[in-house]
Structures are given as C-alpha cells and as structure tokens.
Amino acid sequence: MQRRTLTEISGLILMLLKDGPQRKAWMKQRLKVDNRTLNRCLDTLAKYGLIVISDRHIEITEKGLYFANIYKEFIQLLDRNGNRKKEGL
C-alpha cells in the first residue's frame, strides 16, 4: 500500500468538507489517518484560511471551496493523462 502525502490528505479533507461541516473523529475514521497526521493537515489548512475549526466541528471556507475545486481538476487532469500512478499521487 502506497503512503499518501500530506497534500493528498489535505485535498481529501477539503473534499469531505464540501458536503458540509464534519466532526474530527468522523474525518479521522473516514480518511484512515492517525491524530497526529490529521491535526497537522487541519492546522495547515486553517493557517491558510481554507477551513475553520470550532469546538464542535470543522467547516470549509469560500477560499477552501475554491482550492478544493482546483485540486479536484488537478487530480482529474493527472488521471486523464495517466500520470497519477507515475508521480506517486
């Protein structure tokens, strides 16, 4: 099994949050990551204003939605060109 990069996990977090605010425990289970990795990604996303973290849940910002759409297009482009497997994404 190939390890995912923090960038890849961060992109997946944004994709999950597009469906609405989520709880951290649910995201951890859904992404199959440990607390340290999840916290690291969440802290980075919050630092750049892509998400907002509250006591109850985590939600995506407008800036985060914009970034998530660009990330999705990027992944689709890699898949279409067959580069995703080569690049390790």
N, C-alpha and C. Protein backbone atom coordinates (compact mmCIF):
# COMPACT_ATOMS: atom_id res chain seq x y z
N MET A 1 0.84 -1.18 0.00
CA MET A 1 0.00 0.00 0.00
C MET A 1 0.89 1.24 0.00
N GLN A 2 0.57 2.15 -0.88
CA GLN A 2 1.35 3.36 -1.00
C GLN A 2 0.88 4.41 0.01
N ARG A 3 1.83 5.08 0.62
CA ARG A 3 1.50 6.12 1.59
C ARG A 3 1.02 7.37 0.88
N ARG A 4 0.08 8.06 1.49
CA ARG A 4 -0.42 9.31 0.93
C ARG A 4 0.40 10.47 1.49
N THR A 5 0.57 11.49 0.68
CA THR A 5 1.27 12.69 1.12
C THR A 5 0.33 13.56 1.95
N LEU A 6 0.90 14.50 2.69
CA LEU A 6 0.08 15.42 3.47
C LEU A 6 -0.77 16.29 2.54
N THR A 7 -0.25 16.60 1.37
CA THR A 7 -1.00 17.37 0.39
C THR A 7 -2.22 16.59 -0.07
N GLU A 8 -2.03 15.32 -0.34
CA GLU A 8 -3.14 14.47 -0.77
C GLU A 8 -4.19 14.36 0.32
N ILE A 9 -3.77 14.15 1.55
CA ILE A 9 -4.71 14.04 2.67
C ILE A 9 -5.44 15.37 2.87
N SER A 10 -4.73 16.47 2.74
CA SER A 10 -5.36 17.79 2.87
C SER A 10 -6.41 18.00 1.79
N GLY A 11 -6.11 17.58 0.58
CA GLY A 11 -7.09 17.68 -0.50
C GLY A 11 -8.32 16.84 -0.22
N LEU A 12 -8.12 15.65 0.32
CA LEU A 12 -9.25 14.78 0.67
C LEU A 12 -10.08 15.39 1.79
N ILE A 13 -9.44 16.04 2.73
CA ILE A 13 -10.16 16.72 3.82
C ILE A 13 -11.09 17.78 3.23
N LEU A 14 -10.56 18.57 2.32
CA LEU A 14 -11.38 19.61 1.70
C LEU A 14 -12.55 19.01 0.93
N MET A 15 -12.30 17.90 0.26
CA MET A 15 -13.39 17.24 -0.48
C MET A 15 -14.49 16.76 0.47
N LEU A 16 -14.10 16.22 1.62
CA LEU A 16 -15.09 15.78 2.62
C LEU A 16 -15.90 16.97 3.15
N LEU A 17 -15.22 18.08 3.35
CA LEU A 17 -15.88 19.25 3.93
C LEU A 17 -16.80 19.96 2.94
N LYS A 18 -16.66 19.67 1.66
CA LYS A 18 -17.56 20.26 0.67
C LYS A 18 -19.00 19.81 0.91
N ASP A 19 -19.18 18.66 1.54
CA ASP A 19 -20.52 18.13 1.84
C ASP A 19 -21.13 18.76 3.09
N GLY A 20 -20.37 19.59 3.78
CA GLY A 20 -20.86 20.24 4.99
C GLY A 20 -19.90 20.05 6.14
N PRO A 21 -20.14 20.76 7.25
CA PRO A 21 -19.27 20.64 8.43
C PRO A 21 -19.18 19.20 8.91
N GLN A 22 -18.01 18.82 9.38
CA GLN A 22 -17.76 17.45 9.84
C GLN A 22 -17.09 17.48 11.21
N ARG A 23 -17.24 16.39 11.92
CA ARG A 23 -16.54 16.22 13.19
C ARG A 23 -15.19 15.58 12.93
N LYS A 24 -14.23 15.94 13.75
CA LYS A 24 -12.86 15.45 13.60
C LYS A 24 -12.79 13.93 13.68
N ALA A 25 -13.49 13.33 14.61
CA ALA A 25 -13.45 11.87 14.78
C ALA A 25 -13.94 11.15 13.53
N TRP A 26 -15.01 11.69 12.93
CA TRP A 26 -15.54 11.07 11.71
C TRP A 26 -14.53 11.19 10.56
N MET A 27 -13.88 12.35 10.46
CA MET A 27 -12.90 12.56 9.40
C MET A 27 -11.71 11.61 9.57
N LYS A 28 -11.27 11.45 10.80
CA LYS A 28 -10.16 10.55 11.10
C LYS A 28 -10.49 9.13 10.66
N GLN A 29 -11.68 8.68 10.98
CA GLN A 29 -12.11 7.33 10.62
C GLN A 29 -12.26 7.21 9.10
N ARG A 30 -12.88 8.18 8.48
CA ARG A 30 -13.13 8.14 7.03
C ARG A 30 -11.84 8.15 6.23
N LEU A 31 -10.86 8.95 6.67
CA LEU A 31 -9.59 9.09 5.95
C LEU A 31 -8.57 8.02 6.35
N LYS A 32 -8.86 7.32 7.45
CA LYS A 32 -7.94 6.30 7.97
C LYS A 32 -6.54 6.88 8.22
N VAL A 33 -6.52 7.94 9.04
CA VAL A 33 -5.27 8.58 9.44
C VAL A 33 -5.22 8.66 10.95
N ASP A 34 -4.03 8.84 11.48
CA ASP A 34 -3.89 8.99 12.93
C ASP A 34 -4.12 10.45 13.34
N ASN A 35 -4.24 10.67 14.65
CA ASN A 35 -4.49 12.02 15.16
C ASN A 35 -3.41 13.01 14.75
N ARG A 36 -2.17 12.59 14.83
CA ARG A 36 -1.05 13.49 14.52
C ARG A 36 -1.13 13.97 13.07
N THR A 37 -1.35 13.05 12.16
CA THR A 37 -1.44 13.42 10.74
C THR A 37 -2.64 14.32 10.48
N LEU A 38 -3.79 13.95 11.04
CA LEU A 38 -4.99 14.76 10.83
C LEU A 38 -4.80 16.16 11.40
N ASN A 39 -4.27 16.26 12.61
CA ASN A 39 -4.06 17.57 13.23
C ASN A 39 -3.09 18.42 12.41
N ARG A 40 -2.06 17.80 11.90
CA ARG A 40 -1.08 18.52 11.09
C ARG A 40 -1.73 19.11 9.84
N CYS A 41 -2.53 18.32 9.17
CA CYS A 41 -3.22 18.79 7.96
C CYS A 41 -4.25 19.87 8.30
N LEU A 42 -5.03 19.63 9.35
CA LEU A 42 -6.04 20.61 9.74
C LEU A 42 -5.41 21.94 10.13
N ASP A 43 -4.32 21.89 10.88
CA ASP A 43 -3.63 23.12 11.29
C ASP A 43 -3.14 23.90 10.08
N THR A 44 -2.60 23.20 9.09
CA THR A 44 -2.10 23.86 7.89
C THR A 44 -3.25 24.48 7.10
N LEU A 45 -4.34 23.73 6.94
CA LEU A 45 -5.49 24.25 6.20
C LEU A 45 -6.09 25.47 6.90
N ALA A 46 -6.16 25.43 8.22
CA ALA A 46 -6.69 26.57 9.00
C ALA A 46 -5.75 27.77 8.89
N LYS A 47 -4.46 27.51 8.93
CA LYS A 47 -3.45 28.59 8.84
C LYS A 47 -3.63 29.39 7.56
N TYR A 48 -3.96 28.72 6.48
CA TYR A 48 -4.12 29.39 5.18
C TYR A 48 -5.56 29.83 4.90
N GLY A 49 -6.44 29.69 5.90
CA GLY A 49 -7.80 30.17 5.77
C GLY A 49 -8.70 29.32 4.90
N LEU A 50 -8.34 28.04 4.73
CA LEU A 50 -9.15 27.15 3.90
C LEU A 50 -10.26 26.46 4.69
N ILE A 51 -10.08 26.37 6.01
CA ILE A 51 -11.09 25.78 6.89
C ILE A 51 -11.18 26.60 8.18
N VAL A 52 -12.27 26.37 8.90
CA VAL A 52 -12.46 26.97 10.22
C VAL A 52 -12.71 25.82 11.19
N ILE A 53 -11.96 25.81 12.28
CA ILE A 53 -12.09 24.76 13.28
C ILE A 53 -12.75 25.34 14.52
N SER A 54 -13.85 24.72 14.95
CA SER A 54 -14.51 25.13 16.18
C SER A 54 -14.49 23.94 17.15
N ASP A 55 -15.05 24.12 18.32
CA ASP A 55 -15.10 23.03 19.30
C ASP A 55 -15.96 21.87 18.82
N ARG A 56 -16.98 22.16 18.05
CA ARG A 56 -17.95 21.14 17.64
C ARG A 56 -17.65 20.49 16.30
N HIS A 57 -17.15 21.28 15.34
CA HIS A 57 -16.95 20.74 14.01
C HIS A 57 -15.92 21.55 13.22
N ILE A 58 -15.66 21.08 12.01
CA ILE A 58 -14.73 21.73 11.10
C ILE A 58 -15.50 22.03 9.82
N GLU A 59 -15.35 23.25 9.31
CA GLU A 59 -16.05 23.57 8.07
C GLU A 59 -15.12 24.29 7.10
N ILE A 60 -15.47 24.17 5.83
CA ILE A 60 -14.67 24.74 4.76
C ILE A 60 -15.08 26.20 4.54
N THR A 61 -14.13 27.03 4.14
CA THR A 61 -14.40 28.43 3.84
C THR A 61 -14.60 28.58 2.33
N GLU A 62 -14.97 29.79 1.89
CA GLU A 62 -15.09 30.05 0.45
C GLU A 62 -13.75 29.83 -0.24
N LYS A 63 -12.70 30.29 0.40
CA LYS A 63 -11.35 30.09 -0.15
C LYS A 63 -11.05 28.59 -0.24
N GLY A 64 -11.46 27.83 0.75
CA GLY A 64 -11.25 26.39 0.75
C GLY A 64 -12.02 25.71 -0.37
N LEU A 65 -13.26 26.16 -0.62
CA LEU A 65 -14.06 25.61 -1.71
C LEU A 65 -13.38 25.86 -3.06
N TYR A 66 -12.85 27.06 -3.21
CA TYR A 66 -12.14 27.40 -4.44
C TYR A 66 -10.92 26.48 -4.63
N PHE A 67 -10.15 26.32 -3.57
CA PHE A 67 -8.97 25.46 -3.63
C PHE A 67 -9.36 24.01 -3.88
N ALA A 68 -10.43 23.53 -3.25
CA ALA A 68 -10.88 22.14 -3.43
C ALA A 68 -11.25 21.88 -4.89
N ASN A 69 -11.90 22.84 -5.53
CA ASN A 69 -12.26 22.68 -6.94
C ASN A 69 -11.03 22.63 -7.83
N ILE A 70 -10.04 23.45 -7.54
CA ILE A 70 -8.79 23.43 -8.31
C ILE A 70 -8.07 22.10 -8.08
N TYR A 71 -8.03 21.63 -6.84
CA TYR A 71 -7.39 20.36 -6.53
C TYR A 71 -8.07 19.21 -7.27
N LYS A 72 -9.40 19.22 -7.30
CA LYS A 72 -10.15 18.17 -7.99
C LYS A 72 -9.82 18.17 -9.49
N GLU A 73 -9.76 19.35 -10.09
CA GLU A 73 -9.42 19.45 -11.51
C GLU A 73 -8.00 18.94 -11.76
N PHE A 74 -7.09 19.24 -10.86
CA PHE A 74 -5.71 18.79 -10.97
C PHE A 74 -5.63 17.27 -10.96
N ILE A 75 -6.32 16.64 -10.03
CA ILE A 75 -6.32 15.18 -9.92
C ILE A 75 -6.95 14.56 -11.16
N GLN A 76 -8.04 15.14 -11.64
CA GLN A 76 -8.68 14.63 -12.86
C GLN A 76 -7.74 14.74 -14.06
N LEU A 77 -7.01 15.83 -14.14
CA LEU A 77 -6.06 16.00 -15.23
C LEU A 77 -4.96 14.94 -15.17
N LEU A 78 -4.45 14.67 -13.97
CA LEU A 78 -3.43 13.64 -13.82
C LEU A 78 -3.97 12.27 -14.19
N ASP A 79 -5.19 11.97 -13.76
CA ASP A 79 -5.82 10.69 -14.08
C ASP A 79 -6.02 10.54 -15.59
N ARG A 80 -6.46 11.60 -16.22
CA ARG A 80 -6.74 11.58 -17.65
C ARG A 80 -5.46 11.34 -18.45
N ASN A 81 -4.37 11.89 -18.00
CA ASN A 81 -3.10 11.76 -18.71
C ASN A 81 -2.29 10.55 -18.26
N GLY A 82 -2.82 9.78 -17.31
CA GLY A 82 -2.12 8.59 -16.85
C GLY A 82 -0.89 8.88 -16.01
N ASN A 83 -0.74 10.09 -15.53
CA ASN A 83 0.44 10.48 -14.77
C ASN A 83 0.32 10.23 -13.28
N ARG A 84 -0.86 9.97 -12.80
CA ARG A 84 -1.06 9.85 -11.35
C ARG A 84 -0.25 8.70 -10.78
N LYS A 85 -0.25 7.56 -11.40
CA LYS A 85 0.50 6.40 -10.90
C LYS A 85 2.00 6.65 -10.97
N LYS A 86 2.46 7.29 -12.03
CA LYS A 86 3.88 7.55 -12.20
C LYS A 86 4.41 8.52 -11.14
N GLU A 87 3.61 9.54 -10.83
CA GLU A 87 4.06 10.58 -9.92
C GLU A 87 3.89 10.20 -8.46
N GLY A 88 3.20 9.11 -8.19
CA GLY A 88 3.03 8.68 -6.80
C GLY A 88 1.92 9.40 -6.07
N LEU A 89 0.97 9.97 -6.80
CA LEU A 89 -0.13 10.66 -6.16
C LEU A 89 -1.24 9.73 -5.83
